[in-house]
Amino acid sequence: MKWEDLKRSSNIEDLRSRGSSGRMGFGGGRGVNLLIPIIRMLMGTNIGRIILVIGIGAYFMGFNPLALLDQSGSTRGETHAVSSLEEEKSVEFVSAVLGQTEEVWNRIYAQSGEKYTEPKLVLFRGSVQSGCGFADAQVGPFYCSADQKVYLDLSFFDELSNRHNAPGDFAQAYVIAHEIGHHVQNLRGTLDKAHRVQQSALGKTKANATQVKVELQADCYAGIWAYHTQKTRAILEEGDIQEALNAASQIGDDTLQKQAQGYVVPDAFTHGTSAQRMEWFNRGYEKGTLEACNTGV
């Protein structure tokens, strides 16, 4: 995927620096664990208490005493620098893909005389408080209709590649475009309609079936984005569409259930089978129209 020259979005909210552990610390769990017995030892003598007071004073003046406890040398710092560079490249990628979704959906909406409201994309690390409540990174990327924001922990891309065996930058782009698809559904009133159907449903099976239709339509909208992006920007490289189709397949409900429990429970599906997810993405990519994405929701 040739994304480097794409326009970057200005709708990124970066909350990664806020952390996610929910506990206070100076420099990570290792340093704190080492510090506790040292404090106890210092408190036992007059000299120790003086040293402790000096250390606390130094901390509040900007020097972290825990740095002295880390004897791992420069390797750790170099590794952190490398990982930071890789992560910042991912941020650039996300911004480029988001910018391209804005270009595509603004154009589609303008063609029908409507205005597209661009969503925000929130980058977080570990956990986040959204307009839809508290969420952990384990839930994966998600869209919150209450605040019209997409939430993404960049570690999901590693999980997508390693755990789900779906590597590639266009696989990642597909995931982002899918979440933006939910935003389009929200603007079109589809999500509200689906929620009403789910609330009136007798039993979980019908509610799940409605959710599957919602997710498959978002896959189709991701395909629409790919269609128009290729038409106007020609960014696709050999194998890109296959990366998206592979990602859709690897995160199909039947595939995930087989991996987790060895068997499939169709009534528990919430996103659709691997075959369905590939089919609807491909339909959007081949047709490029909203009308092609009628999943019955």
C-alpha atoms as a PDB file:
ATOM      1  CA  MET A   1       0.000   0.000   0.000  1.00  0.00           C
ATOM      2  CA  LYS A   2       1.471   3.319  -1.097  1.00  0.00           C
ATOM      3  CA  TRP A   3       0.288   5.503   1.767  1.00  0.00           C
ATOM      4  CA  GLU A   4       3.254   7.774   2.439  1.00  0.00           C
ATOM      5  CA  ASP A   5       2.035  10.621   0.205  1.00  0.00           C
ATOM      6  CA  LEU A   6      -1.559  10.583   1.422  1.00  0.00           C
ATOM      7  CA  LYS A   7      -2.944  13.609   3.244  1.00  0.00           C
ATOM      8  CA  ARG A   8      -2.766  13.305   7.028  1.00  0.00           C
ATOM      9  CA  SER A   9      -5.895  13.770   9.086  1.00  0.00           C
ATOM     10  CA  SER A  10      -6.160  16.465  11.738  1.00  0.00           C
ATOM     11  CA  ASN A  11      -8.761  14.416  13.624  1.00  0.00           C
ATOM     12  CA  ILE A  12      -6.359  12.317  15.699  1.00  0.00           C
ATOM     13  CA  GLU A  13      -6.576  12.493  19.494  1.00  0.00           C
ATOM     14  CA  ASP A  14      -3.462  10.964  21.039  1.00  0.00           C
ATOM     15  CA  LEU A  15      -4.029   9.752  24.604  1.00  0.00           C
ATOM     16  CA  ARG A  16      -1.181   7.229  24.673  1.00  0.00           C
ATOM     17  CA  SER A  17       0.905   9.233  27.139  1.00  0.00           C
ATOM     18  CA  ARG A  18      -1.754   8.884  29.830  1.00  0.00           C
ATOM     19  CA  GLY A  19      -0.796   5.266  30.396  1.00  0.00           C
ATOM     20  CA  SER A  20      -3.130   2.489  31.434  1.00  0.00           C
ATOM     21  CA  SER A  21      -1.914   0.647  34.510  1.00  0.00           C
ATOM     22  CA  GLY A  22      -4.287   2.330  36.922  1.00  0.00           C
ATOM     23  CA  ARG A  23      -1.555   2.381  39.608  1.00  0.00           C
ATOM     24  CA  MET A  24       1.031   4.924  40.551  1.00  0.00           C
ATOM     25  CA  GLY A  25       4.702   4.307  39.968  1.00  0.00           C
ATOM     26  CA  PHE A  26       7.936   6.063  39.312  1.00  0.00           C
ATOM     27  CA  GLY A  27       9.502   4.073  36.528  1.00  0.00           C
ATOM     28  CA  GLY A  28       7.675   0.778  36.143  1.00  0.00           C
ATOM     29  CA  GLY A  29       6.958  -2.266  38.291  1.00  0.00           C
ATOM     30  CA  ARG A  30      10.565  -3.472  38.472  1.00  0.00           C
ATOM     31  CA  GLY A  31      11.811  -0.229  40.018  1.00  0.00           C
ATOM     32  CA  VAL A  32       8.978  -0.037  42.533  1.00  0.00           C
ATOM     33  CA  ASN A  33       9.493  -3.637  43.646  1.00  0.00           C
ATOM     34  CA  LEU A  34      13.157  -2.912  44.271  1.00  0.00           C
ATOM     35  CA  LEU A  35      12.414   0.339  46.054  1.00  0.00           C
ATOM     36  CA  ILE A  36      10.107  -1.026  48.774  1.00  0.00           C
ATOM     37  CA  PRO A  37      12.695  -3.148  50.640  1.00  0.00           C
ATOM     38  CA  ILE A  38      15.271  -0.367  50.283  1.00  0.00           C
ATOM     39  CA  ILE A  39      12.902   2.127  51.923  1.00  0.00           C
ATOM     40  CA  ARG A  40      12.258  -0.276  54.789  1.00  0.00           C
ATOM     41  CA  MET A  41      15.983  -0.700  55.332  1.00  0.00           C
ATOM     42  CA  LEU A  42      16.654   3.051  55.243  1.00  0.00           C
ATOM     43  CA  MET A  43      13.867   3.778  57.716  1.00  0.00           C
ATOM     44  CA  GLY A  44      15.663   1.640  60.298  1.00  0.00           C
ATOM     45  CA  THR A  45      18.600   4.044  60.824  1.00  0.00           C
ATOM     46  CA  ASN A  46      19.108   7.771  61.288  1.00  0.00           C
ATOM     47  CA  ILE A  47      21.514   7.937  58.338  1.00  0.00           C
ATOM     48  CA  GLY A  48      19.025   5.975  56.265  1.00  0.00           C
ATOM     49  CA  ARG A  49      16.234   8.396  57.041  1.00  0.00           C
ATOM     50  CA  ILE A  50      18.464  11.311  56.004  1.00  0.00           C
ATOM     51  CA  ILE A  51      19.278   9.550  52.718  1.00  0.00           C
ATOM     52  CA  LEU A  52      15.582   8.900  52.178  1.00  0.00           C
ATOM     53  CA  VAL A  53      14.712  12.574  52.721  1.00  0.00           C
ATOM     54  CA  ILE A  54      17.451  13.603  50.272  1.00  0.00           C
ATOM     55  CA  GLY A  55      16.189  11.073  47.735  1.00  0.00           C
ATOM     56  CA  ILE A  56      12.598  12.307  47.993  1.00  0.00           C
ATOM     57  CA  GLY A  57      13.800  15.877  47.629  1.00  0.00           C
ATOM     58  CA  ALA A  58      15.814  14.952  44.561  1.00  0.00           C
ATOM     59  CA  TYR A  59      12.766  13.263  43.009  1.00  0.00           C
ATOM     60  CA  PHE A  60      10.622  16.372  43.355  1.00  0.00           C
ATOM     61  CA  MET A  61      13.449  18.439  41.872  1.00  0.00           C
ATOM     62  CA  GLY A  62      13.284  16.334  38.711  1.00  0.00           C
ATOM     63  CA  PHE A  63      15.795  13.538  39.343  1.00  0.00           C
ATOM     64  CA  ASN A  64      14.418   9.996  39.418  1.00  0.00           C
ATOM     65  CA  PRO A  65      16.378   7.848  41.926  1.00  0.00           C
ATOM     66  CA  LEU A  66      14.965   4.717  40.308  1.00  0.00           C
ATOM     67  CA  ALA A  67      17.173   5.392  37.301  1.00  0.00           C
ATOM     68  CA  LEU A  68      20.073   4.212  39.455  1.00  0.00           C
ATOM     69  CA  LEU A  69      18.329   0.874  39.958  1.00  0.00           C
ATOM     70  CA  ASP A  70      18.224   0.091  36.247  1.00  0.00           C
ATOM     71  CA  GLN A  71      21.488  -1.648  35.394  1.00  0.00           C
ATOM     72  CA  SER A  72      20.384  -2.880  31.989  1.00  0.00           C
ATOM     73  CA  GLY A  73      22.683  -0.450  30.188  1.00  0.00           C
ATOM     74  CA  SER A  74      21.967   1.296  26.915  1.00  0.00           C
ATOM     75  CA  THR A  75      20.245  -1.649  25.266  1.00  0.00           C
ATOM     76  CA  ARG A  76      16.941  -0.921  26.929  1.00  0.00           C
ATOM     77  CA  GLY A  77      17.080   2.728  25.900  1.00  0.00           C
ATOM     78  CA  GLU A  78      17.960   1.805  22.340  1.00  0.00           C
ATOM     79  CA  THR A  79      15.122  -0.729  22.209  1.00  0.00           C
ATOM     80  CA  HIS A  80      12.701   1.872  23.532  1.00  0.00           C
ATOM     81  CA  ALA A  81      13.882   4.350  20.899  1.00  0.00           C
ATOM     82  CA  VAL A  82      13.408   1.814  18.121  1.00  0.00           C
ATOM     83  CA  SER A  83       9.940   0.838  19.342  1.00  0.00           C
ATOM     84  CA  SER A  84       9.005   4.513  19.617  1.00  0.00           C
ATOM     85  CA  LEU A  85      10.080   5.122  16.026  1.00  0.00           C
ATOM     86  CA  GLU A  86       8.054   2.134  14.867  1.00  0.00           C
ATOM     87  CA  GLU A  87       5.032   3.302  16.830  1.00  0.00           C
ATOM     88  CA  GLU A  88       5.264   6.832  15.479  1.00  0.00           C
ATOM     89  CA  LYS A  89       5.357   5.397  11.974  1.00  0.00           C
ATOM     90  CA  SER A  90       2.144   3.558  12.841  1.00  0.00           C
ATOM     91  CA  VAL A  91       0.639   6.849  14.004  1.00  0.00           C
ATOM     92  CA  GLU A  92       1.550   8.404  10.655  1.00  0.00           C
ATOM     93  CA  PHE A  93      -0.029   5.445   8.877  1.00  0.00           C
ATOM     94  CA  VAL A  94      -3.250   5.688  10.879  1.00  0.00           C
ATOM     95  CA  SER A  95      -3.435   9.422  10.202  1.00  0.00           C
ATOM     96  CA  ALA A  96      -2.926   8.835   6.475  1.00  0.00           C
ATOM     97  CA  VAL A  97      -5.626   6.160   6.280  1.00  0.00           C
ATOM     98  CA  LEU A  98      -8.037   8.272   8.325  1.00  0.00           C
ATOM     99  CA  GLY A  99      -7.332  11.232   6.051  1.00  0.00           C
ATOM    100  CA  GLN A 100      -8.154   9.110   3.027  1.00  0.00           C
ATOM    101  CA  THR A 101     -11.436   7.919   4.557  1.00  0.00           C
ATOM    102  CA  GLU A 102     -12.305  11.584   5.083  1.00  0.00           C
ATOM    103  CA  GLU A 103     -11.563  12.351   1.441  1.00  0.00           C
ATOM    104  CA  VAL A 104     -13.649   9.436   0.171  1.00  0.00           C
ATOM    105  CA  TRP A 105     -16.679   9.908   2.408  1.00  0.00           C
ATOM    106  CA  ASN A 106     -16.712  13.687   1.982  1.00  0.00           C
ATOM    107  CA  ARG A 107     -16.872  13.125  -1.773  1.00  0.00           C
ATOM    108  CA  ILE A 108     -19.601  10.473  -1.549  1.00  0.00           C
ATOM    109  CA  TYR A 109     -21.734  12.640   0.723  1.00  0.00           C
ATOM    110  CA  ALA A 110     -21.200  15.724  -1.445  1.00  0.00           C
ATOM    111  CA  GLN A 111     -22.457  13.831  -4.498  1.00  0.00           C
ATOM    112  CA  SER A 112     -25.858  13.516  -2.811  1.00  0.00           C
ATOM    113  CA  GLY A 113     -25.844  17.092  -1.534  1.00  0.00           C
ATOM    114  CA  GLU A 114     -25.059  16.116   2.049  1.00  0.00           C
ATOM    115  CA  LYS A 115     -22.261  17.053   4.420  1.00  0.00           C
ATOM    116  CA  TYR A 116     -20.086  14.375   5.957  1.00  0.00           C
ATOM    117  CA  THR A 117     -19.267  14.850   9.630  1.00  0.00           C
ATOM    118  CA  GLU A 118     -15.718  13.635  10.163  1.00  0.00           C
ATOM    119  CA  PRO A 119     -15.137  11.461  13.239  1.00  0.00           C
ATOM    120  CA  LYS A 120     -12.238  11.688  15.651  1.00  0.00           C
ATOM    121  CA  LEU A 121      -9.858   8.765  16.048  1.00  0.00           C
ATOM    122  CA  VAL A 122      -8.492   8.312  19.557  1.00  0.00           C
ATOM    123  CA  LEU A 123      -5.177   6.539  20.077  1.00  0.00           C
ATOM    124  CA  PHE A 124      -4.841   5.036  23.532  1.00  0.00           C
ATOM    125  CA  ARG A 125      -2.668   2.597  25.385  1.00  0.00           C
ATOM    126  CA  GLY A 126      -4.102  -0.207  27.525  1.00  0.00           C
ATOM    127  CA  SER A 127      -7.472   1.260  28.464  1.00  0.00           C
ATOM    128  CA  VAL A 128      -9.577   4.316  27.807  1.00  0.00           C
ATOM    129  CA  GLN A 129     -12.697   6.137  28.953  1.00  0.00           C
ATOM    130  CA  SER A 130     -14.968   6.692  25.967  1.00  0.00           C
ATOM    131  CA  GLY A 131     -18.411   8.203  25.586  1.00  0.00           C
ATOM    132  CA  CYS A 132     -19.686   4.624  25.672  1.00  0.00           C
ATOM    133  CA  GLY A 133     -17.906   3.811  28.941  1.00  0.00           C
ATOM    134  CA  PHE A 134     -14.601   2.336  30.041  1.00  0.00           C
ATOM    135  CA  ALA A 135     -12.889   0.005  27.573  1.00  0.00           C
ATOM    136  CA  ASP A 136      -9.837  -2.220  27.680  1.00  0.00           C
ATOM    137  CA  ALA A 137      -7.524  -2.749  24.716  1.00  0.00           C
ATOM    138  CA  GLN A 138      -8.560  -6.415  24.671  1.00  0.00           C
ATOM    139  CA  VAL A 139     -11.881  -5.459  23.072  1.00  0.00           C
ATOM    140  CA  GLY A 140      -9.958  -4.340  19.989  1.00  0.00           C
ATOM    141  CA  PRO A 141     -10.660  -1.222  17.915  1.00  0.00           C
ATOM    142  CA  PHE A 142     -14.191   0.111  18.358  1.00  0.00           C
ATOM    143  CA  TYR A 143     -16.514   2.934  17.397  1.00  0.00           C
ATOM    144  CA  CYS A 144     -18.560   4.827  19.973  1.00  0.00           C
ATOM    145  CA  SER A 145     -21.690   6.430  18.546  1.00  0.00           C
ATOM    146  CA  ALA A 146     -22.198   8.516  21.708  1.00  0.00           C
ATOM    147  CA  ASP A 147     -19.119  10.658  21.038  1.00  0.00           C
ATOM    148  CA  GLN A 148     -18.636   9.788  17.343  1.00  0.00           C
ATOM    149  CA  LYS A 149     -15.086   8.588  17.883  1.00  0.00           C
ATOM    150  CA  VAL A 150     -13.065   5.549  16.824  1.00  0.00           C
ATOM    151  CA  TYR A 151     -10.781   4.118  19.516  1.00  0.00           C
ATOM    152  CA  LEU A 152      -7.579   2.259  18.677  1.00  0.00           C
ATOM    153  CA  ASP A 153      -4.706   0.822  20.686  1.00  0.00           C
ATOM    154  CA  LEU A 154      -1.821   0.407  18.234  1.00  0.00           C
ATOM    155  CA  SER A 155      -0.874  -2.897  19.865  1.00  0.00           C
ATOM    156  CA  PHE A 156      -3.872  -4.379  18.046  1.00  0.00           C
ATOM    157  CA  PHE A 157      -1.891  -4.296  14.822  1.00  0.00           C
ATOM    158  CA  ASP A 158       0.663  -6.664  16.368  1.00  0.00           C
ATOM    159  CA  GLU A 159      -2.174  -8.896  17.533  1.00  0.00           C
ATOM    160  CA  LEU A 160      -3.723  -8.820  14.079  1.00  0.00           C
ATOM    161  CA  SER A 161      -0.448  -9.911  12.515  1.00  0.00           C
ATOM    162  CA  ASN A 162       0.813 -12.392  15.095  1.00  0.00           C
ATOM    163  CA  ARG A 163      -2.227 -13.842  16.834  1.00  0.00           C
ATOM    164  CA  HIS A 164      -4.685 -13.690  13.940  1.00  0.00           C
ATOM    165  CA  ASN A 165      -2.119 -14.326  11.199  1.00  0.00           C
ATOM    166  CA  ALA A 166      -3.253 -11.291   9.221  1.00  0.00           C
ATOM    167  CA  PRO A 167      -0.143  -9.187   8.503  1.00  0.00           C
ATOM    168  CA  GLY A 168       0.169  -6.274   6.127  1.00  0.00           C
ATOM    169  CA  ASP A 169      -0.536  -2.563   6.072  1.00  0.00           C
ATOM    170  CA  PHE A 170      -3.714  -2.955   4.039  1.00  0.00           C
ATOM    171  CA  ALA A 171      -5.054  -5.415   6.600  1.00  0.00           C
ATOM    172  CA  GLN A 172      -4.612  -2.618   9.133  1.00  0.00           C
ATOM    173  CA  ALA A 173      -6.216  -0.110   6.775  1.00  0.00           C
ATOM    174  CA  TYR A 174      -9.205  -2.438   6.386  1.00  0.00           C
ATOM    175  CA  VAL A 175      -9.703  -2.474  10.168  1.00  0.00           C
ATOM    176  CA  ILE A 176      -9.665   1.333  10.329  1.00  0.00           C
ATOM    177  CA  ALA A 177     -12.004   1.639   7.341  1.00  0.00           C
ATOM    178  CA  HIS A 178     -14.379  -0.869   8.976  1.00  0.00           C
ATOM    179  CA  GLU A 179     -14.630   1.278  12.114  1.00  0.00           C
ATOM    180  CA  ILE A 180     -15.196   4.375   9.988  1.00  0.00           C
ATOM    181  CA  GLY A 181     -17.938   2.345   8.326  1.00  0.00           C
ATOM    182  CA  HIS A 182     -19.692   2.239  11.694  1.00  0.00           C
ATOM    183  CA  HIS A 183     -19.478   6.028  11.822  1.00  0.00           C
ATOM    184  CA  VAL A 184     -21.171   6.232   8.428  1.00  0.00           C
ATOM    185  CA  GLN A 185     -23.864   3.892   9.751  1.00  0.00           C
ATOM    186  CA  ASN A 186     -24.329   6.207  12.709  1.00  0.00           C
ATOM    187  CA  LEU A 187     -24.713   9.251  10.464  1.00  0.00           C
ATOM    188  CA  ARG A 188     -27.246   7.390   8.310  1.00  0.00           C
ATOM    189  CA  GLY A 189     -29.330   6.314  11.296  1.00  0.00           C
ATOM    190  CA  THR A 190     -28.522   2.648  10.789  1.00  0.00           C
ATOM    191  CA  LEU A 191     -27.066   2.112  14.253  1.00  0.00           C
ATOM    192  CA  ASP A 192     -30.103   3.633  15.982  1.00  0.00           C
ATOM    193  CA  LYS A 193     -32.390   1.436  13.906  1.00  0.00           C
ATOM    194  CA  ALA A 194     -30.346  -1.654  14.733  1.00  0.00           C
ATOM    195  CA  HIS A 195     -30.344  -0.818  18.448  1.00  0.00           C
ATOM    196  CA  ARG A 196     -34.139  -0.514  18.442  1.00  0.00           C
ATOM    197  CA  VAL A 197     -34.462  -3.900  16.774  1.00  0.00           C
ATOM    198  CA  GLN A 198     -32.071  -5.446  19.276  1.00  0.00           C
ATOM    199  CA  GLN A 199     -33.889  -3.940  22.252  1.00  0.00           C
ATOM    200  CA  SER A 200     -37.219  -5.326  21.060  1.00  0.00           C
ATOM    201  CA  ALA A 201     -35.785  -8.722  20.151  1.00  0.00           C
ATOM    202  CA  LEU A 202     -37.034 -11.717  22.084  1.00  0.00           C
ATOM    203  CA  GLY A 203     -33.866 -13.572  22.920  1.00  0.00           C
ATOM    204  CA  LYS A 204     -30.187 -13.125  22.221  1.00  0.00           C
ATOM    205  CA  THR A 205     -30.252 -14.955  18.888  1.00  0.00           C
ATOM    206  CA  LYS A 206     -32.169 -12.249  17.006  1.00  0.00           C
ATOM    207  CA  ALA A 207     -30.143  -9.480  18.634  1.00  0.00           C
ATOM    208  CA  ASN A 208     -26.933 -11.193  17.530  1.00  0.00           C
ATOM    209  CA  ALA A 209     -28.277 -11.679  14.004  1.00  0.00           C
ATOM    210  CA  THR A 210     -28.948  -7.947  13.779  1.00  0.00           C
ATOM    211  CA  GLN A 211     -25.443  -7.186  15.002  1.00  0.00           C
ATOM    212  CA  VAL A 212     -24.008  -9.458  12.312  1.00  0.00           C
ATOM    213  CA  LYS A 213     -25.843  -7.445   9.650  1.00  0.00           C
ATOM    214  CA  VAL A 214     -24.393  -4.242  11.110  1.00  0.00           C
ATOM    215  CA  GLU A 215     -20.843  -5.606  11.055  1.00  0.00           C
ATOM    216  CA  LEU A 216     -21.114  -7.011   7.539  1.00  0.00           C
ATOM    217  CA  GLN A 217     -22.333  -3.664   6.269  1.00  0.00           C
ATOM    218  CA  ALA A 218     -19.318  -1.979   7.904  1.00  0.00           C
ATOM    219  CA  ASP A 219     -17.128  -4.489   6.046  1.00  0.00           C
ATOM    220  CA  CYS A 220     -18.883  -3.504   2.833  1.00  0.00           C
ATOM    221  CA  TYR A 221     -18.327   0.181   3.573  1.00  0.00           C
ATOM    222  CA  ALA A 222     -14.640  -0.589   4.068  1.00  0.00           C
ATOM    223  CA  GLY A 223     -14.738  -2.086   0.581  1.00  0.00           C
ATOM    224  CA  ILE A 224     -16.339   1.103  -0.753  1.00  0.00           C
ATOM    225  CA  TRP A 225     -13.467   3.066   0.737  1.00  0.00           C
ATOM    226  CA  ALA A 226     -10.931   0.765  -0.950  1.00  0.00           C
ATOM    227  CA  TYR A 227     -12.742   1.107  -4.289  1.00  0.00           C
ATOM    228  CA  HIS A 228     -12.739   4.916  -4.290  1.00  0.00           C
ATOM    229  CA  THR A 229      -9.249   5.205  -2.848  1.00  0.00           C
ATOM    230  CA  GLN A 230      -7.844   3.048  -5.612  1.00  0.00           C
ATOM    231  CA  LYS A 231      -9.865   4.895  -8.237  1.00  0.00           C
ATOM    232  CA  THR A 232      -8.596   8.333  -7.210  1.00  0.00           C
ATOM    233  CA  ARG A 233      -5.203   7.611  -5.643  1.00  0.00           C
ATOM    234  CA  ALA A 234      -4.060   4.267  -7.099  1.00  0.00           C
ATOM    235  CA  ILE A 235      -2.420   3.294  -3.812  1.00  0.00           C
ATOM    236  CA  LEU A 236      -2.959  -0.449  -3.976  1.00  0.00           C
ATOM    237  CA  GLU A 237      -0.041  -2.763  -4.547  1.00  0.00           C
ATOM    238  CA  GLU A 238      -0.042  -6.427  -5.471  1.00  0.00           C
ATOM    239  CA  GLY A 239      -1.503  -8.471  -2.639  1.00  0.00           C
ATOM    240  CA  ASP A 240      -3.184  -5.585  -0.803  1.00  0.00           C
ATOM    241  CA  ILE A 241      -6.773  -6.679  -1.388  1.00  0.00           C
ATOM    242  CA  GLN A 242      -5.795 -10.205  -0.428  1.00  0.00           C
ATOM    243  CA  GLU A 243      -4.420  -8.810   2.850  1.00  0.00           C
ATOM    244  CA  ALA A 244      -7.803  -7.256   3.602  1.00  0.00           C
ATOM    245  CA  LEU A 245      -9.684 -10.414   2.637  1.00  0.00           C
ATOM    246  CA  ASN A 246      -7.349 -12.518   4.756  1.00  0.00           C
ATOM    247  CA  ALA A 247      -7.903 -10.218   7.738  1.00  0.00           C
ATOM    248  CA  ALA A 248     -11.668 -10.431   7.247  1.00  0.00           C
ATOM    249  CA  SER A 249     -11.372 -14.210   7.138  1.00  0.00           C
ATOM    250  CA  GLN A 250      -9.126 -14.534  10.175  1.00  0.00           C
ATOM    251  CA  ILE A 251     -11.481 -12.514  12.391  1.00  0.00           C
ATOM    252  CA  GLY A 252     -14.670 -14.224  11.257  1.00  0.00           C
ATOM    253  CA  ASP A 253     -16.795 -15.586  14.102  1.00  0.00           C
ATOM    254  CA  ASP A 254     -16.552 -19.206  12.995  1.00  0.00           C
ATOM    255  CA  THR A 255     -12.771 -19.036  12.713  1.00  0.00           C
ATOM    256  CA  LEU A 256     -12.369 -17.363  16.110  1.00  0.00           C
ATOM    257  CA  GLN A 257     -14.744 -19.815  17.796  1.00  0.00           C
ATOM    258  CA  LYS A 258     -12.946 -22.823  16.343  1.00  0.00           C
ATOM    259  CA  GLN A 259      -9.637 -21.467  17.596  1.00  0.00           C
ATOM    260  CA  ALA A 260     -11.006 -20.695  21.058  1.00  0.00           C
ATOM    261  CA  GLN A 261     -13.202 -23.711  21.760  1.00  0.00           C
ATOM    262  CA  GLY A 262     -12.850 -26.134  18.889  1.00  0.00           C
ATOM    263  CA  TYR A 263     -16.441 -25.854  17.657  1.00  0.00           C
ATOM    264  CA  VAL A 264     -18.874 -23.300  16.250  1.00  0.00           C
ATOM    265  CA  VAL A 265     -22.034 -21.814  17.799  1.00  0.00           C
ATOM    266  CA  PRO A 266     -23.807 -19.876  15.007  1.00  0.00           C
ATOM    267  CA  ASP A 267     -26.376 -18.305  17.349  1.00  0.00           C
ATOM    268  CA  ALA A 268     -23.497 -16.607  19.171  1.00  0.00           C
ATOM    269  CA  PHE A 269     -22.102 -14.951  16.043  1.00  0.00           C
ATOM    270  CA  THR A 270     -21.843 -11.148  16.293  1.00  0.00           C
ATOM    271  CA  HIS A 271     -19.697 -10.226  13.280  1.00  0.00           C
ATOM    272  CA  GLY A 272     -20.356 -12.901  10.664  1.00  0.00           C
ATOM    273  CA  THR A 273     -18.486 -15.889   9.326  1.00  0.00           C
ATOM    274  CA  SER A 274     -15.160 -15.630   7.559  1.00  0.00           C
ATOM    275  CA  ALA A 275     -16.856 -16.241   4.213  1.00  0.00           C
ATOM    276  CA  GLN A 276     -19.492 -13.577   4.886  1.00  0.00           C
ATOM    277  CA  ARG A 277     -16.964 -10.959   5.927  1.00  0.00           C
ATOM    278  CA  MET A 278     -14.860 -11.548   2.827  1.00  0.00           C
ATOM    279  CA  GLU A 279     -17.956 -11.519   0.615  1.00  0.00           C
ATOM    280  CA  TRP A 280     -19.254  -8.186   1.888  1.00  0.00           C
ATOM    281  CA  PHE A 281     -15.893  -6.435   1.800  1.00  0.00           C
ATOM    282  CA  ASN A 282     -15.425  -7.679  -1.750  1.00  0.00           C
ATOM    283  CA  ARG A 283     -18.911  -6.533  -2.717  1.00  0.00           C
ATOM    284  CA  GLY A 284     -18.164  -3.004  -1.547  1.00  0.00           C
ATOM    285  CA  TYR A 285     -14.822  -3.047  -3.321  1.00  0.00           C
ATOM    286  CA  GLU A 286     -16.298  -4.253  -6.615  1.00  0.00           C
ATOM    287  CA  LYS A 287     -19.396  -2.006  -6.664  1.00  0.00           C
ATOM    288  CA  GLY A 288     -18.288   1.087  -4.763  1.00  0.00           C
ATOM    289  CA  THR A 289     -21.852   2.173  -3.903  1.00  0.00           C
ATOM    290  CA  LEU A 290     -23.875   2.394  -0.703  1.00  0.00           C
ATOM    291  CA  GLU A 291     -26.722   0.580  -2.431  1.00  0.00           C
ATOM    292  CA  ALA A 292     -24.517  -2.487  -2.839  1.00  0.00           C
ATOM    293  CA  CYS A 293     -24.158  -2.739   0.940  1.00  0.00           C
ATOM    294  CA  ASN A 294     -27.744  -3.535   1.897  1.00  0.00           C
ATOM    295  CA  THR A 295     -27.345  -6.340   4.428  1.00  0.00           C
ATOM    296  CA  GLY A 296     -30.952  -6.047   5.585  1.00  0.00           C
ATOM    297  CA  VAL A 297     -30.198  -4.091   8.719  1.00  0.00           C
END
